[in-house]
Amino acid sequence: MSTSPRQNSIDVGFLAAAQRGDSQKFSELAEPFRRELQVHCYRILGSLHEAEDMVQETMVKAWKNIGTFEGRASFRSWLYRIATNCCLDFLDQKRTQRLLPVNFRPASDPQMKILPPLADSTWLEPFPDEWLEDAHAINPEARYTEFESISLSFLMVLQALPPRQRAVLILRDVLDFSAEETAGILESTLSSVNSSLHRARKTLTARYQGGMPDEPDAVILDEKTKGLLDHFVQAWESADVAGLVKLLKEDAIFEMPPSPSWYQGRNEIAQLLSMMPFGNNEMFPGPAETRWRLLRTRANASIAFAMYQRNDKERYQAFGMLLVEQDGARISRITNFIDPLLPMRFGLPSQLA
């Protein structure tokens, strides 16, 4: 397994002190792994806030049980064992999958009323790429790259797997743990791990097309991509529906969780945009041409924008996140996550002047 020295070696003096009850020394041992554990839990759960909850639970359990750590496996593997089983226990109680609208029902008719939101726990949540850059868990031998494994297309298939298959595939093919390490983390047998991995890989082969650059920065810095993004921002902020539609592939998808409604095709998306978010209604009052501001970031290995809606005080209030996926010189998918708390989770402001 390819890991950095930081990941596999710990200060034995700190460990001994932690096992004697020194909480500060425990924190210095465990905190460097927090970010990569958050990424790991996000892949399993598909939710930022649930991932954060599970990592916090992991840290509490690790502190309570630090005296049982004997060093047979690495400290990192021990933390992954706790985190993985926290996630699996949570999923066993919850018994739901996080999806996107396109997985939930057939495409909507833009002439029909937009369906009301479903429960938050139904939907995948966007993931800030910055978390991954902070995780320092590079595994060049893994079957799937770190960025590919947090893309929406990968996660949608991953979430379709039974939880234990999901965990096995992440541990083996994303994090590059050995079969023996994976069995130890899951407190399972080697044959059970290999069987679960075989079934999970079979499902991914059937449902996941795969393929994206190892370094998303290469896409972001491409001049054609820059031009596409500049046109997208200009069209969105000026409520230029025709200009937006010109940027789309013929079969492009537009979805907006937590509503289960989603739309496919230029004409259908144009009709939807003309009503929402650029129409005049109770949800979107005021002139459409000055209604929105977009702040660029990155999420799920894609270009993303924090959305801000103008309020009655002529400031722009956080509204949600837009993820934009491209196919060549056109946009193939827009996922509009409507949640005013999301920009702050990405470290972005709640308001713009």
Protein backbone atom coordinates (compact mmCIF):
# COMPACT_ATOMS: atom_id res chain seq x y z
CA MET A 1 0.00 0.00 0.00
CA SER A 2 1.38 3.43 -0.95
CA THR A 3 1.18 5.87 1.93
CA SER A 4 3.28 8.67 3.32
CA PRO A 5 5.42 8.13 6.43
CA ARG A 6 3.04 10.43 8.33
CA GLN A 7 0.25 7.95 7.76
CA ASN A 8 1.95 4.84 9.10
CA SER A 9 4.37 6.11 11.77
CA ILE A 10 3.36 7.73 15.04
CA ASP A 11 5.29 9.05 18.01
CA VAL A 12 5.46 6.16 20.48
CA GLY A 13 5.97 8.62 23.31
CA PHE A 14 2.76 10.42 22.38
CA LEU A 15 0.98 7.06 22.17
CA ALA A 16 2.18 6.00 25.61
CA ALA A 17 1.12 9.36 27.06
CA ALA A 18 -2.29 9.11 25.38
CA GLN A 19 -2.79 5.63 26.79
CA ARG A 20 -2.01 7.03 30.24
CA GLY A 21 -4.87 9.52 29.77
CA ASP A 22 -3.19 12.55 28.16
CA SER A 23 -5.95 13.92 25.90
CA GLN A 24 -3.66 16.55 24.35
CA LYS A 25 -1.20 13.90 23.17
CA PHE A 26 -4.11 11.84 21.79
CA SER A 27 -5.32 14.87 19.86
CA GLU A 28 -1.85 15.39 18.38
CA LEU A 29 -1.84 11.75 17.27
CA ALA A 30 -5.37 11.61 15.82
CA GLU A 31 -6.12 15.07 14.45
CA PRO A 32 -3.74 14.79 11.44
CA PHE A 33 -6.03 12.01 10.15
CA ARG A 34 -9.30 13.92 10.60
CA ARG A 35 -9.56 15.28 7.06
CA GLU A 36 -8.87 11.99 5.28
CA LEU A 37 -11.35 10.26 7.57
CA GLN A 38 -13.95 12.88 6.62
CA VAL A 39 -13.32 12.13 2.95
CA HIS A 40 -13.60 8.40 3.62
CA CYS A 41 -16.88 8.76 5.51
CA TYR A 42 -18.25 11.05 2.79
CA ARG A 43 -17.60 8.41 0.13
CA ILE A 44 -19.49 5.83 2.17
CA LEU A 45 -22.37 8.10 3.21
CA GLY A 46 -22.66 10.67 0.39
CA SER A 47 -23.24 13.44 2.94
CA LEU A 48 -20.95 16.14 4.31
CA HIS A 49 -22.71 16.65 7.60
CA GLU A 50 -23.14 12.92 8.24
CA ALA A 51 -19.45 12.38 7.45
CA GLU A 52 -18.48 15.05 9.95
CA ASP A 53 -20.73 13.46 12.58
CA MET A 54 -19.21 10.02 12.00
CA VAL A 55 -15.65 11.35 12.23
CA GLN A 56 -16.49 13.07 15.49
CA GLU A 57 -17.92 9.79 16.77
CA THR A 58 -14.75 8.05 15.56
CA MET A 59 -12.54 10.41 17.55
CA VAL A 60 -14.62 9.93 20.70
CA LYS A 61 -14.50 6.13 20.37
CA ALA A 62 -10.78 6.17 19.58
CA TRP A 63 -10.07 8.24 22.70
CA LYS A 64 -12.19 5.97 24.88
CA ASN A 65 -10.46 2.87 23.48
CA ILE A 66 -6.89 4.13 23.00
CA GLY A 67 -5.78 1.75 25.73
CA THR A 68 -6.76 -1.22 23.54
CA PHE A 69 -4.52 -0.16 20.63
CA GLU A 70 -1.68 -2.68 20.57
CA GLY A 71 0.09 -1.64 17.36
CA ARG A 72 -0.60 -4.85 15.43
CA ALA A 73 -1.95 -2.70 12.62
CA SER A 74 -0.98 0.92 11.95
CA PHE A 75 -2.65 3.66 13.96
CA ARG A 76 -4.14 4.92 10.67
CA SER A 77 -5.71 1.51 9.94
CA TRP A 78 -7.07 1.42 13.48
CA LEU A 79 -8.78 4.78 12.98
CA TYR A 80 -10.15 3.64 9.62
CA ARG A 81 -11.57 0.53 11.30
CA ILE A 82 -13.45 2.66 13.81
CA ALA A 83 -14.65 5.17 11.19
CA THR A 84 -15.76 2.52 8.71
CA ASN A 85 -17.74 0.62 11.29
CA CYS A 86 -19.33 3.84 12.60
CA CYS A 87 -20.55 4.50 9.05
CA LEU A 88 -21.80 0.95 8.54
CA ASP A 89 -23.64 0.97 11.87
CA PHE A 90 -25.23 4.29 10.91
CA LEU A 91 -26.32 2.96 7.50
CA ASP A 92 -27.68 -0.19 9.09
CA GLN A 93 -30.02 1.97 11.19
CA LYS A 94 -30.85 4.42 8.40
CA ARG A 95 -31.35 1.91 5.57
CA THR A 96 -31.54 4.54 2.82
CA GLN A 97 -29.40 5.50 -0.15
CA ARG A 98 -28.40 9.02 -1.10
CA LEU A 99 -29.29 9.62 -4.73
CA LEU A 100 -29.68 12.43 -7.24
CA PRO A 101 -33.00 13.21 -8.94
CA VAL A 102 -31.92 11.51 -12.17
CA ASN A 103 -31.72 8.22 -10.20
CA PHE A 104 -35.07 8.74 -8.56
CA ARG A 105 -37.72 9.12 -11.27
CA PRO A 106 -38.19 9.80 -15.03
CA ALA A 107 -37.38 13.22 -16.46
CA SER A 108 -39.94 15.93 -15.66
CA ASP A 109 -42.17 17.91 -18.01
CA PRO A 110 -41.31 21.64 -17.72
CA GLN A 111 -44.99 22.45 -18.26
CA MET A 112 -45.87 20.64 -15.05
CA LYS A 113 -45.41 22.06 -11.55
CA ILE A 114 -42.02 21.46 -9.97
CA LEU A 115 -42.29 18.74 -7.34
CA PRO A 116 -41.85 19.83 -3.71
CA PRO A 117 -38.65 18.95 -1.84
CA LEU A 118 -38.16 15.52 -0.34
CA ALA A 119 -36.28 14.85 2.88
CA ASP A 120 -32.67 16.07 2.97
CA SER A 121 -31.48 12.53 3.70
CA THR A 122 -32.58 11.46 0.21
CA TRP A 123 -29.90 13.33 -1.70
CA LEU A 124 -26.20 13.26 -2.32
CA GLU A 125 -24.50 16.39 -1.03
CA PRO A 126 -21.70 18.22 -2.86
CA PHE A 127 -18.16 17.83 -1.62
CA PRO A 128 -15.48 20.60 -1.54
CA ASP A 129 -12.39 19.49 -3.45
CA GLU A 130 -10.29 21.45 -0.97
CA TRP A 131 -11.03 18.77 1.62
CA LEU A 132 -9.38 16.20 -0.60
CA GLU A 133 -6.34 18.38 -1.15
CA ASP A 134 -5.99 18.69 2.63
CA ALA A 135 -6.32 14.94 3.23
CA HIS A 136 -2.80 13.88 2.12
CA ALA A 137 -3.90 10.31 1.40
CA ILE A 138 -2.33 9.82 -2.03
CA ASN A 139 -2.45 6.25 -3.28
CA PRO A 140 -0.95 6.05 -6.79
CA GLU A 141 -1.49 2.30 -7.00
CA ALA A 142 -5.24 2.52 -6.41
CA ARG A 143 -7.65 1.48 -9.15
CA TYR A 144 -9.58 4.77 -8.93
CA THR A 145 -7.93 8.15 -8.36
CA GLU A 146 -8.85 10.28 -5.39
CA PHE A 147 -10.62 12.86 -7.53
CA GLU A 148 -12.45 10.33 -9.69
CA SER A 149 -13.76 8.60 -6.59
CA ILE A 150 -15.56 11.74 -5.38
CA SER A 151 -17.09 12.63 -8.77
CA LEU A 152 -20.88 12.58 -8.88
CA SER A 153 -20.93 9.89 -11.58
CA PHE A 154 -18.78 7.58 -9.43
CA LEU A 155 -20.68 8.32 -6.23
CA MET A 156 -24.06 7.61 -7.82
CA VAL A 157 -22.93 4.07 -8.65
CA LEU A 158 -21.12 3.70 -5.33
CA GLN A 159 -24.29 4.59 -3.42
CA ALA A 160 -26.17 1.86 -5.31
CA LEU A 161 -23.92 -0.78 -3.74
CA PRO A 162 -24.87 -2.48 -0.46
CA PRO A 163 -22.99 -0.71 2.38
CA ARG A 164 -20.40 -3.43 3.04
CA GLN A 165 -19.61 -3.81 -0.66
CA ARG A 166 -19.29 -0.03 -0.81
CA ALA A 167 -16.84 -0.01 2.10
CA VAL A 168 -14.77 -2.86 0.68
CA LEU A 169 -14.47 -1.23 -2.73
CA ILE A 170 -13.43 2.11 -1.20
CA LEU A 171 -10.83 0.50 1.06
CA ARG A 172 -9.38 -1.71 -1.66
CA ASP A 173 -9.75 0.24 -4.93
CA VAL A 174 -9.64 3.85 -3.74
CA LEU A 175 -7.46 3.78 -0.62
CA ASP A 176 -5.39 0.78 -1.74
CA PHE A 177 -5.54 -1.11 1.54
CA SER A 178 -4.53 -4.74 1.12
CA ALA A 179 -7.13 -7.51 1.33
CA GLU A 180 -5.73 -8.48 4.73
CA GLU A 181 -5.88 -4.91 6.03
CA THR A 182 -9.42 -4.54 4.71
CA ALA A 183 -10.51 -7.74 6.45
CA GLY A 184 -9.02 -6.41 9.68
CA ILE A 185 -10.76 -3.04 9.33
CA LEU A 186 -14.12 -4.71 8.67
CA GLU A 187 -13.52 -7.44 11.24
CA SER A 188 -14.28 -9.95 8.50
CA THR A 189 -12.65 -12.86 6.73
CA LEU A 190 -10.39 -12.64 3.71
CA SER A 191 -12.79 -14.72 1.60
CA SER A 192 -15.72 -12.47 2.52
CA VAL A 193 -13.76 -9.36 1.56
CA ASN A 194 -12.69 -10.84 -1.77
CA SER A 195 -16.24 -11.96 -2.53
CA SER A 196 -17.67 -8.51 -1.73
CA LEU A 197 -15.00 -6.82 -3.83
CA HIS A 198 -15.76 -9.09 -6.79
CA ARG A 199 -19.47 -8.23 -6.66
CA ALA A 200 -18.81 -4.51 -6.22
CA ARG A 201 -16.40 -4.40 -9.16
CA LYS A 202 -18.91 -6.23 -11.31
CA THR A 203 -21.55 -3.61 -10.55
CA LEU A 204 -19.18 -0.73 -11.29
CA THR A 205 -18.10 -2.32 -14.57
CA ALA A 206 -21.74 -2.52 -15.64
CA ARG A 207 -22.85 0.94 -14.50
CA TYR A 208 -19.85 3.25 -14.40
CA GLN A 209 -18.22 4.57 -17.55
CA GLY A 210 -15.19 5.96 -15.72
CA GLY A 211 -12.38 8.07 -16.99
CA MET A 212 -11.33 11.55 -15.91
CA PRO A 213 -7.98 13.34 -15.60
CA ASP A 214 -5.88 12.58 -12.53
CA GLU A 215 -5.50 16.33 -11.98
CA PRO A 216 -8.72 18.34 -12.43
CA ASP A 217 -6.59 21.50 -12.53
CA ALA A 218 -5.60 20.50 -16.08
CA VAL A 219 -9.24 20.86 -17.12
CA ILE A 220 -9.82 24.06 -15.18
CA LEU A 221 -6.78 25.78 -16.70
CA ASP A 222 -7.71 24.85 -20.27
CA GLU A 223 -8.48 27.99 -22.32
CA LYS A 224 -11.62 26.51 -23.88
CA THR A 225 -12.90 25.61 -20.43
CA LYS A 226 -12.16 29.11 -19.17
CA GLY A 227 -14.11 30.57 -22.06
CA LEU A 228 -17.02 28.22 -21.42
CA LEU A 229 -17.11 29.17 -17.75
CA ASP A 230 -16.90 32.88 -18.46
CA HIS A 231 -19.85 32.62 -20.85
CA PHE A 232 -21.78 30.54 -18.34
CA VAL A 233 -21.31 33.08 -15.53
CA GLN A 234 -22.14 36.01 -17.79
CA ALA A 235 -25.30 34.32 -19.08
CA TRP A 236 -26.47 33.21 -15.63
CA GLU A 237 -25.88 36.54 -13.93
CA SER A 238 -27.64 38.44 -16.74
CA ALA A 239 -30.55 35.94 -16.96
CA ASP A 240 -29.65 35.16 -20.58
CA VAL A 241 -31.54 31.90 -21.08
CA ALA A 242 -30.74 31.70 -24.79
CA GLY A 243 -27.06 32.20 -24.04
CA LEU A 244 -27.09 29.47 -21.41
CA VAL A 245 -28.86 27.01 -23.67
CA LYS A 246 -26.24 27.52 -26.39
CA LEU A 247 -23.62 26.18 -23.96
CA LEU A 248 -25.50 22.91 -23.38
CA LYS A 249 -25.27 19.56 -25.09
CA GLU A 250 -28.45 18.53 -26.85
CA ASP A 251 -29.18 15.92 -24.17
CA ALA A 252 -27.92 17.92 -21.18
CA ILE A 253 -29.41 17.34 -17.73
CA PHE A 254 -30.56 19.93 -15.18
CA GLU A 255 -31.51 18.86 -11.66
CA MET A 256 -32.10 20.72 -8.41
CA PRO A 257 -32.20 18.67 -5.22
CA PRO A 258 -33.99 18.63 -2.82
CA SER A 259 -36.75 18.67 -5.46
CA PRO A 260 -36.97 15.31 -7.27
CA SER A 261 -37.79 17.12 -10.53
CA TRP A 262 -35.13 17.01 -13.25
CA TYR A 263 -35.03 17.95 -16.92
CA GLN A 264 -33.25 16.69 -20.00
CA GLY A 265 -32.73 18.41 -23.33
CA ARG A 266 -32.07 21.99 -24.37
CA ASN A 267 -35.70 22.92 -25.00
CA GLU A 268 -36.89 21.46 -21.71
CA ILE A 269 -34.12 23.16 -19.73
CA ALA A 270 -34.80 26.47 -21.48
CA GLN A 271 -38.46 26.30 -20.44
CA LEU A 272 -37.51 25.47 -16.86
CA LEU A 273 -34.95 28.28 -16.61
CA SER A 274 -37.41 30.81 -17.97
CA MET A 275 -39.74 29.98 -15.08
CA MET A 276 -37.13 29.19 -12.40
CA PRO A 277 -34.66 30.67 -11.58
CA PHE A 278 -35.19 33.54 -14.06
CA GLY A 279 -38.97 33.83 -13.90
CA ASN A 280 -40.99 36.21 -11.75
CA ASN A 281 -42.58 34.39 -8.82
CA GLU A 282 -42.75 34.41 -5.04
CA MET A 283 -39.54 32.42 -4.68
CA PHE A 284 -37.57 34.66 -7.06
CA PRO A 285 -38.77 38.26 -6.79
CA GLY A 286 -37.14 41.27 -8.40
CA PRO A 287 -35.44 41.82 -11.77
CA ALA A 288 -33.94 38.61 -13.14
CA GLU A 289 -31.00 40.49 -14.72
CA THR A 290 -29.59 41.44 -11.29
CA ARG A 291 -30.92 38.52 -9.26
CA TRP A 292 -27.87 36.22 -9.12
CA ARG A 293 -24.17 36.28 -8.40
CA LEU A 294 -21.91 33.26 -8.83
CA LEU A 295 -18.65 32.63 -6.99
CA ARG A 296 -16.44 29.99 -8.56
CA THR A 297 -15.03 27.04 -6.62
CA ARG A 298 -14.62 23.27 -7.11
CA ALA A 299 -16.76 20.38 -5.96
CA ASN A 300 -16.79 16.64 -6.67
CA ALA A 301 -13.89 17.03 -9.13
CA SER A 302 -16.00 19.44 -11.21
CA ILE A 303 -16.29 23.16 -11.69
CA ALA A 304 -18.76 24.58 -9.20
CA PHE A 305 -20.25 27.90 -8.22
CA ALA A 306 -21.65 29.18 -4.95
CA MET A 307 -25.00 30.82 -5.77
CA TYR A 308 -26.11 34.09 -4.19
CA GLN A 309 -29.59 35.60 -4.58
CA ARG A 310 -30.24 39.32 -4.25
CA ASN A 311 -32.36 40.24 -1.24
CA ASP A 312 -34.52 43.28 -0.49
CA LYS A 313 -31.52 45.03 1.06
CA GLU A 314 -29.68 44.81 -2.25
CA ARG A 315 -27.18 42.32 -0.91
CA TYR A 316 -26.66 38.80 -2.20
CA GLN A 317 -27.58 36.00 0.19
CA ALA A 318 -26.24 32.43 -0.10
CA PHE A 319 -28.70 30.19 -1.94
CA GLY A 320 -26.88 26.97 -2.83
CA MET A 321 -24.25 25.37 -5.08
CA LEU A 322 -24.17 24.80 -8.83
CA LEU A 323 -22.06 21.92 -10.15
CA VAL A 324 -21.26 22.10 -13.85
CA GLU A 325 -20.03 19.05 -15.73
CA GLN A 326 -18.75 19.36 -19.27
CA ASP A 327 -18.29 17.03 -22.19
CA GLY A 328 -15.85 18.54 -24.64
CA ALA A 329 -16.85 22.11 -25.48
CA ARG A 330 -20.38 21.77 -24.07
CA ILE A 331 -22.02 21.45 -20.67
CA SER A 332 -23.53 18.01 -20.13
CA ARG A 333 -25.01 18.41 -16.67
CA ILE A 334 -25.96 21.12 -14.19
CA THR A 335 -26.78 20.09 -10.64
CA ASN A 336 -28.27 22.90 -8.59
CA PHE A 337 -28.03 22.00 -4.90
CA ILE A 338 -30.52 24.34 -3.20
CA ASP A 339 -29.27 24.79 0.34
CA PRO A 340 -28.20 28.21 1.71
CA LEU A 341 -25.80 26.58 4.18
CA LEU A 342 -23.67 24.88 1.52
CA PRO A 343 -21.45 27.87 0.53
CA MET A 344 -20.38 28.23 4.17
CA ARG A 345 -19.48 24.52 4.28
CA PHE A 346 -17.17 25.32 1.36
CA GLY A 347 -15.55 28.10 3.38
CA LEU A 348 -17.32 30.81 1.37
CA PRO A 349 -19.22 33.85 2.70
CA SER A 350 -22.90 33.85 3.56
CA GLN A 351 -23.41 37.18 1.79
CA LEU A 352 -21.88 39.24 -1.02
CA ALA A 353 -22.13 43.00 -1.30
